Amino acid sequence: MLTRPLRRTLAAALAAGALVLVPAAVAGAHSPTIAADVICVDGAETVAYTSTAWPGEGADPTNDPGRQNDQVDISIDGTVVGTGSYDAPIYSFSGSAPLPAGAAPGDLIEVGATAVADWGNGFAGGSFTSIWVTVPDLDCAPHATGRFTGGGHQITVGGVKVTRGLTLHCDLLLSNNLEINWNGNQFHTTEHLTTLECSDDPAIDQTPPRAPIDTMVGVGTGRYNGTDGYTIEFTLVDAGEPGRQDRASILVYETANPTNVVLDVPLQNLTGGNLQAHEDQPHR
């Protein structure tokens, strides 16, 4: 088992092309093989592995008693994290285990397979094979789901109209649309917002329709009267039908000079229209 600093040193050498790593043991007759990768599973970095018996030498590899093994242990950095068996006809199994605590992007982890039991033809167990896996730089944080629309018509809050077609997605993956009009002025967001936080307050009943969120707080940039360089901060709350309890706040200011505020509507009930929270849907 390597210490974390040594794993980092080996990873750096590998990245620089100064070191070529080979499996700790080369798979051969009566030995396991192992393949592994680090992926995102349910929002967490996870080591996914597949272990298979040696290729076999019989005429029919799907029916080769010599490849049978009733206990094959999978280890990460020397700690057993799973167990399986080699059974006909594929003599292979897969599984997953959490990434070791403290492992960071660029570190190396050793994923191994040990044939603990004797092989089906009586050959003694104990053979071990391992590979080195470099921990990738993954973002496994789950993305929020849900979206807000303008409910099919204009929203009015504090005398300020939010144009028809308000569509904002929690996941920030693709395009969003938010346009504000007031007293002959206009602010329109650029395609991507900067930050967006979606939440579900148990005290708020936003149905219908059913949705995983009822509140959206966002920050984005856009154009004020056709000029770039402005920021919007907003809050949207869907509190059910017909929309009289829905709330919104809007703040628009010059990005380089935040004291230059061109619109400031504190959080308050809508005076017209309707906010609608929804399940998410594929983006255009």
Protein backbone atom coordinates (compact mmCIF):
# COMPACT_ATOMS: atom_id res chain seq x y z
CA MET A 1 0.00 0.00 0.00
CA LEU A 2 1.39 3.40 -0.98
CA THR A 3 1.22 6.46 1.19
CA ARG A 4 -0.66 9.42 -0.26
CA PRO A 5 2.51 11.51 -0.87
CA LEU A 6 4.11 8.61 -2.72
CA ARG A 7 0.98 8.12 -4.81
CA ARG A 8 1.13 11.79 -5.75
CA THR A 9 4.80 11.49 -6.68
CA LEU A 10 4.10 8.50 -8.90
CA ALA A 11 1.13 10.27 -10.51
CA ALA A 12 3.23 13.34 -11.26
CA ALA A 13 5.95 11.20 -12.81
CA LEU A 14 3.41 9.36 -14.92
CA ALA A 15 1.88 12.63 -16.16
CA ALA A 16 5.33 13.91 -17.08
CA GLY A 17 6.10 10.77 -19.06
CA ALA A 18 8.99 9.90 -16.76
CA LEU A 19 7.45 6.72 -15.46
CA VAL A 20 5.55 3.83 -16.98
CA LEU A 21 3.43 1.86 -14.55
CA VAL A 22 2.59 -1.78 -15.11
CA PRO A 23 0.28 -4.03 -13.11
CA ALA A 24 1.73 -5.13 -9.78
CA ALA A 25 1.32 -8.69 -10.98
CA VAL A 26 0.88 -9.85 -14.54
CA ALA A 27 -2.18 -12.00 -15.04
CA GLY A 28 -1.46 -15.50 -16.25
CA ALA A 29 -2.82 -19.00 -15.97
CA HIS A 30 -4.86 -19.49 -12.79
CA SER A 31 -4.90 -15.80 -11.88
CA PRO A 32 -7.51 -13.04 -11.80
CA THR A 33 -7.54 -9.96 -13.98
CA ILE A 34 -8.82 -6.54 -12.96
CA ALA A 35 -10.02 -3.39 -14.73
CA ALA A 36 -11.16 -0.28 -12.88
CA ASP A 37 -12.04 3.37 -13.26
CA VAL A 38 -13.23 6.23 -11.05
CA ILE A 39 -16.68 7.53 -12.01
CA CYS A 40 -19.58 9.47 -10.49
CA VAL A 41 -22.33 7.33 -8.95
CA ASP A 42 -25.26 8.95 -7.10
CA GLY A 43 -23.28 12.14 -6.58
CA ALA A 44 -20.12 10.50 -5.21
CA GLU A 45 -16.76 9.48 -6.67
CA THR A 46 -16.82 5.73 -6.96
CA VAL A 47 -14.36 3.04 -8.04
CA ALA A 48 -16.07 0.81 -10.60
CA TYR A 49 -14.31 -2.49 -11.28
CA THR A 50 -14.60 -5.67 -13.31
CA SER A 51 -12.65 -8.80 -12.51
CA THR A 52 -12.34 -11.77 -14.86
CA ALA A 53 -10.57 -15.13 -14.61
CA TRP A 54 -7.48 -15.86 -16.67
CA PRO A 55 -8.36 -16.37 -20.35
CA GLY A 56 -8.37 -20.14 -20.12
CA GLU A 57 -6.86 -22.79 -22.31
CA GLY A 58 -9.72 -25.16 -23.04
CA ALA A 59 -11.45 -25.57 -26.37
CA ASP A 60 -14.61 -24.06 -24.88
CA PRO A 61 -13.77 -21.07 -22.67
CA THR A 62 -17.40 -20.80 -21.52
CA ASN A 63 -17.17 -24.23 -19.93
CA ASP A 64 -13.70 -24.43 -18.41
CA PRO A 65 -13.67 -25.78 -14.82
CA GLY A 66 -10.15 -24.46 -14.39
CA ARG A 67 -11.48 -20.87 -14.48
CA GLN A 68 -13.99 -21.46 -11.67
CA ASN A 69 -13.20 -19.71 -8.36
CA ASP A 70 -15.68 -19.33 -5.52
CA GLN A 71 -14.02 -16.36 -3.77
CA VAL A 72 -12.22 -13.48 -5.40
CA ASP A 73 -11.56 -10.46 -3.18
CA ILE A 74 -11.31 -6.93 -4.58
CA SER A 75 -9.07 -4.50 -2.70
CA ILE A 76 -8.27 -0.81 -2.93
CA ASP A 77 -4.91 0.24 -1.49
CA GLY A 78 -4.76 -3.08 0.36
CA THR A 79 -8.24 -2.94 1.91
CA VAL A 80 -10.81 -5.49 0.76
CA VAL A 81 -13.88 -3.64 -0.56
CA GLY A 82 -15.80 -6.42 -2.32
CA THR A 83 -15.99 -10.12 -3.08
CA GLY A 84 -17.25 -12.10 -6.04
CA SER A 85 -16.82 -15.39 -7.84
CA TYR A 86 -15.92 -16.66 -11.28
CA ASP A 87 -18.74 -18.77 -12.61
CA ALA A 88 -19.57 -20.25 -16.01
CA PRO A 89 -20.09 -19.09 -18.65
CA ILE A 90 -18.46 -15.64 -18.31
CA TYR A 91 -16.16 -16.19 -15.29
CA SER A 92 -16.41 -12.49 -14.50
CA PHE A 93 -18.13 -10.09 -12.11
CA SER A 94 -18.38 -6.33 -11.61
CA GLY A 95 -18.96 -4.03 -8.67
CA SER A 96 -18.15 -0.68 -7.13
CA ALA A 97 -16.75 0.81 -3.95
CA PRO A 98 -16.34 4.33 -2.55
CA LEU A 99 -13.18 6.23 -3.43
CA PRO A 100 -10.78 5.99 -0.44
CA ALA A 101 -11.08 8.87 1.99
CA GLY A 102 -8.54 11.58 1.30
CA ALA A 103 -7.85 10.53 -2.28
CA ALA A 104 -7.48 13.67 -4.41
CA PRO A 105 -7.33 14.33 -8.16
CA GLY A 106 -3.98 13.14 -9.50
CA ASP A 107 -3.44 10.58 -6.75
CA LEU A 108 -2.90 6.93 -7.63
CA ILE A 109 -4.91 4.13 -6.07
CA GLU A 110 -4.10 0.44 -6.35
CA VAL A 111 -7.06 -1.76 -7.28
CA GLY A 112 -6.37 -5.46 -6.88
CA ALA A 113 -8.03 -8.87 -7.24
CA THR A 114 -7.03 -11.90 -5.16
CA ALA A 115 -8.18 -15.41 -6.01
CA VAL A 116 -8.70 -16.57 -2.42
CA ALA A 117 -10.32 -19.96 -3.09
CA ASP A 118 -8.76 -22.83 -5.00
CA TRP A 119 -9.51 -22.98 -8.71
CA GLY A 120 -12.07 -25.42 -10.07
CA ASN A 121 -9.44 -27.86 -11.31
CA GLY A 122 -7.73 -27.95 -7.89
CA PHE A 123 -5.01 -25.40 -8.62
CA ALA A 124 -4.19 -23.55 -5.38
CA GLY A 125 -5.62 -20.07 -4.83
CA GLY A 126 -3.75 -17.04 -3.57
CA SER A 127 -2.79 -15.38 -6.86
CA PHE A 128 -3.05 -11.58 -6.92
CA THR A 129 -3.17 -9.00 -9.71
CA SER A 130 -3.50 -5.22 -9.42
CA ILE A 131 -3.53 -2.07 -11.51
CA TRP A 132 -2.91 1.60 -10.73
CA VAL A 133 -5.71 4.07 -11.35
CA THR A 134 -5.20 7.84 -11.40
CA VAL A 135 -7.99 9.69 -9.60
CA PRO A 136 -9.60 12.09 -12.10
CA ASP A 137 -10.83 15.60 -11.36
CA LEU A 138 -14.58 14.96 -11.32
CA ASP A 139 -17.52 17.13 -10.31
CA CYS A 140 -19.95 14.60 -8.85
CA ALA A 141 -22.16 17.09 -7.04
CA PRO A 142 -25.76 16.40 -8.01
CA HIS A 143 -27.33 19.13 -10.11
CA ALA A 144 -30.57 20.65 -8.91
CA THR A 145 -33.63 19.81 -10.97
CA GLY A 146 -36.63 21.90 -11.79
CA ARG A 147 -37.41 25.08 -13.68
CA PHE A 148 -39.44 28.27 -13.45
CA THR A 149 -41.61 29.80 -16.14
CA GLY A 150 -43.74 32.91 -16.28
CA GLY A 151 -46.92 30.90 -16.28
CA GLY A 152 -47.79 31.80 -19.85
CA HIS A 153 -48.24 35.55 -19.40
CA GLN A 154 -46.54 38.61 -18.03
CA ILE A 155 -45.66 38.91 -14.36
CA THR A 156 -45.92 42.28 -12.67
CA VAL A 157 -44.14 42.97 -9.40
CA GLY A 158 -44.03 46.46 -7.96
CA GLY A 159 -45.15 47.91 -11.29
CA VAL A 160 -42.28 46.17 -13.14
CA LYS A 161 -43.22 43.76 -15.92
CA VAL A 162 -41.32 40.54 -16.47
CA THR A 163 -41.78 39.68 -20.12
CA ARG A 164 -43.66 36.66 -21.37
CA GLY A 165 -41.37 33.69 -21.90
CA LEU A 166 -39.51 33.63 -18.58
CA THR A 167 -37.75 30.23 -18.53
CA LEU A 168 -35.02 29.41 -16.00
CA HIS A 169 -33.52 25.98 -15.35
CA CYS A 170 -31.92 25.00 -12.06
CA ASP A 171 -29.06 23.04 -13.59
CA LEU A 172 -27.45 25.95 -15.50
CA LEU A 173 -26.61 23.57 -18.34
CA LEU A 174 -28.06 25.38 -21.31
CA SER A 175 -29.99 28.51 -22.23
CA ASN A 176 -32.16 30.52 -19.86
CA ASN A 177 -34.33 33.52 -20.61
CA LEU A 178 -35.26 36.43 -18.35
CA GLU A 179 -36.32 39.84 -19.64
CA ILE A 180 -37.37 42.80 -17.46
CA ASN A 181 -39.22 45.86 -18.78
CA TRP A 182 -40.03 49.02 -16.83
CA ASN A 183 -40.71 52.66 -17.68
CA GLY A 184 -39.31 52.29 -21.19
CA ASN A 185 -36.18 50.46 -19.95
CA GLN A 186 -35.18 46.87 -20.60
CA PHE A 187 -32.79 44.33 -19.11
CA HIS A 188 -32.21 40.99 -20.81
CA THR A 189 -29.98 38.23 -19.46
CA THR A 190 -27.28 36.67 -21.57
CA GLU A 191 -27.68 32.95 -22.21
CA HIS A 192 -26.03 31.59 -19.07
CA LEU A 193 -26.67 32.74 -15.51
CA THR A 194 -23.73 33.00 -13.09
CA THR A 195 -25.28 31.16 -10.15
CA LEU A 196 -28.65 29.64 -9.45
CA GLU A 197 -29.95 28.08 -6.25
CA CYS A 198 -33.19 26.13 -6.20
CA SER A 199 -34.92 24.91 -3.07
CA ASP A 200 -38.16 23.47 -1.73
CA ASP A 201 -39.61 25.11 1.39
CA PRO A 202 -41.88 22.63 3.25
CA ALA A 203 -44.02 25.57 4.40
CA ILE A 204 -44.87 26.52 0.78
CA ASP A 205 -47.37 24.58 -1.31
CA GLN A 206 -46.63 25.45 -4.93
CA THR A 207 -49.02 22.93 -6.52
CA PRO A 208 -50.34 22.66 -9.15
CA PRO A 209 -48.33 21.40 -10.94
CA ARG A 210 -46.12 19.21 -8.80
CA ALA A 211 -42.47 20.33 -8.83
CA PRO A 212 -39.27 19.59 -6.88
CA ILE A 213 -38.77 23.29 -6.09
CA ASP A 214 -40.76 26.35 -5.07
CA THR A 215 -37.98 28.95 -4.73
CA MET A 216 -35.26 30.09 -7.09
CA VAL A 217 -32.48 32.59 -6.28
CA GLY A 218 -30.19 33.60 -9.11
CA VAL A 219 -27.47 35.93 -10.33
CA GLY A 220 -26.68 36.66 -13.96
CA THR A 221 -25.33 39.22 -16.37
CA GLY A 222 -26.92 40.90 -19.34
CA ARG A 223 -27.68 44.05 -21.28
CA TYR A 224 -29.40 47.16 -19.94
CA ASN A 225 -31.02 49.10 -22.78
CA GLY A 226 -28.76 47.25 -25.18
CA THR A 227 -25.52 47.91 -23.27
CA ASP A 228 -23.47 45.03 -21.81
CA GLY A 229 -21.97 45.09 -18.33
CA TYR A 230 -24.95 44.79 -16.00
CA THR A 231 -25.84 42.24 -13.32
CA ILE A 232 -29.19 40.98 -12.10
CA GLU A 233 -29.98 39.38 -8.75
CA PHE A 234 -33.45 37.92 -8.37
CA THR A 235 -35.65 35.71 -6.22
CA LEU A 236 -38.73 33.87 -7.50
CA VAL A 237 -41.23 32.07 -5.25
CA ASP A 238 -44.15 29.96 -6.48
CA ALA A 239 -46.74 29.74 -3.69
CA GLY A 240 -49.53 28.01 -5.59
CA GLU A 241 -52.53 29.12 -7.61
CA PRO A 242 -53.80 31.53 -8.79
CA GLY A 243 -50.50 33.35 -8.14
CA ARG A 244 -51.52 36.12 -5.76
CA GLN A 245 -49.17 34.69 -3.12
CA ASP A 246 -46.25 34.27 -5.52
CA ARG A 247 -43.35 36.59 -4.73
CA ALA A 248 -40.37 38.08 -6.54
CA SER A 249 -37.49 40.48 -6.05
CA ILE A 250 -35.35 42.10 -8.76
CA LEU A 251 -32.10 44.03 -8.47
CA VAL A 252 -30.23 45.29 -11.55
CA TYR A 253 -26.95 47.23 -11.33
CA GLU A 254 -23.81 48.06 -13.25
CA THR A 255 -21.38 45.19 -12.75
CA ALA A 256 -18.27 47.37 -12.54
CA ASN A 257 -20.02 49.87 -10.26
CA PRO A 258 -22.55 48.09 -8.03
CA THR A 259 -23.67 51.37 -6.48
CA ASN A 260 -25.15 52.31 -9.87
CA VAL A 261 -28.48 50.56 -9.33
CA VAL A 262 -30.94 50.90 -12.20
CA LEU A 263 -33.74 48.78 -10.73
CA ASP A 264 -34.45 47.66 -7.15
CA VAL A 265 -37.69 45.80 -6.38
CA PRO A 266 -37.64 44.26 -2.87
CA LEU A 267 -39.19 40.82 -2.32
CA GLN A 268 -42.99 41.22 -2.52
CA ASN A 269 -46.15 39.58 -3.83
CA LEU A 270 -46.88 39.73 -7.53
CA THR A 271 -49.42 42.31 -8.61
CA GLY A 272 -50.24 40.46 -11.81
CA GLY A 273 -49.50 37.21 -13.61
CA ASN A 274 -48.25 33.96 -12.19
CA LEU A 275 -44.97 32.18 -11.44
CA GLN A 276 -44.86 28.47 -12.13
CA ALA A 277 -42.36 25.91 -10.84
CA HIS A 278 -42.11 22.70 -12.86
CA GLU A 279 -40.27 19.45 -13.18
CA ASP A 280 -37.28 19.98 -15.45
CA GLN A 281 -37.42 19.12 -19.13
CA PRO A 282 -34.87 18.80 -21.94
CA HIS A 283 -33.45 22.15 -22.99
CA ARG A 284 -33.75 23.55 -26.48
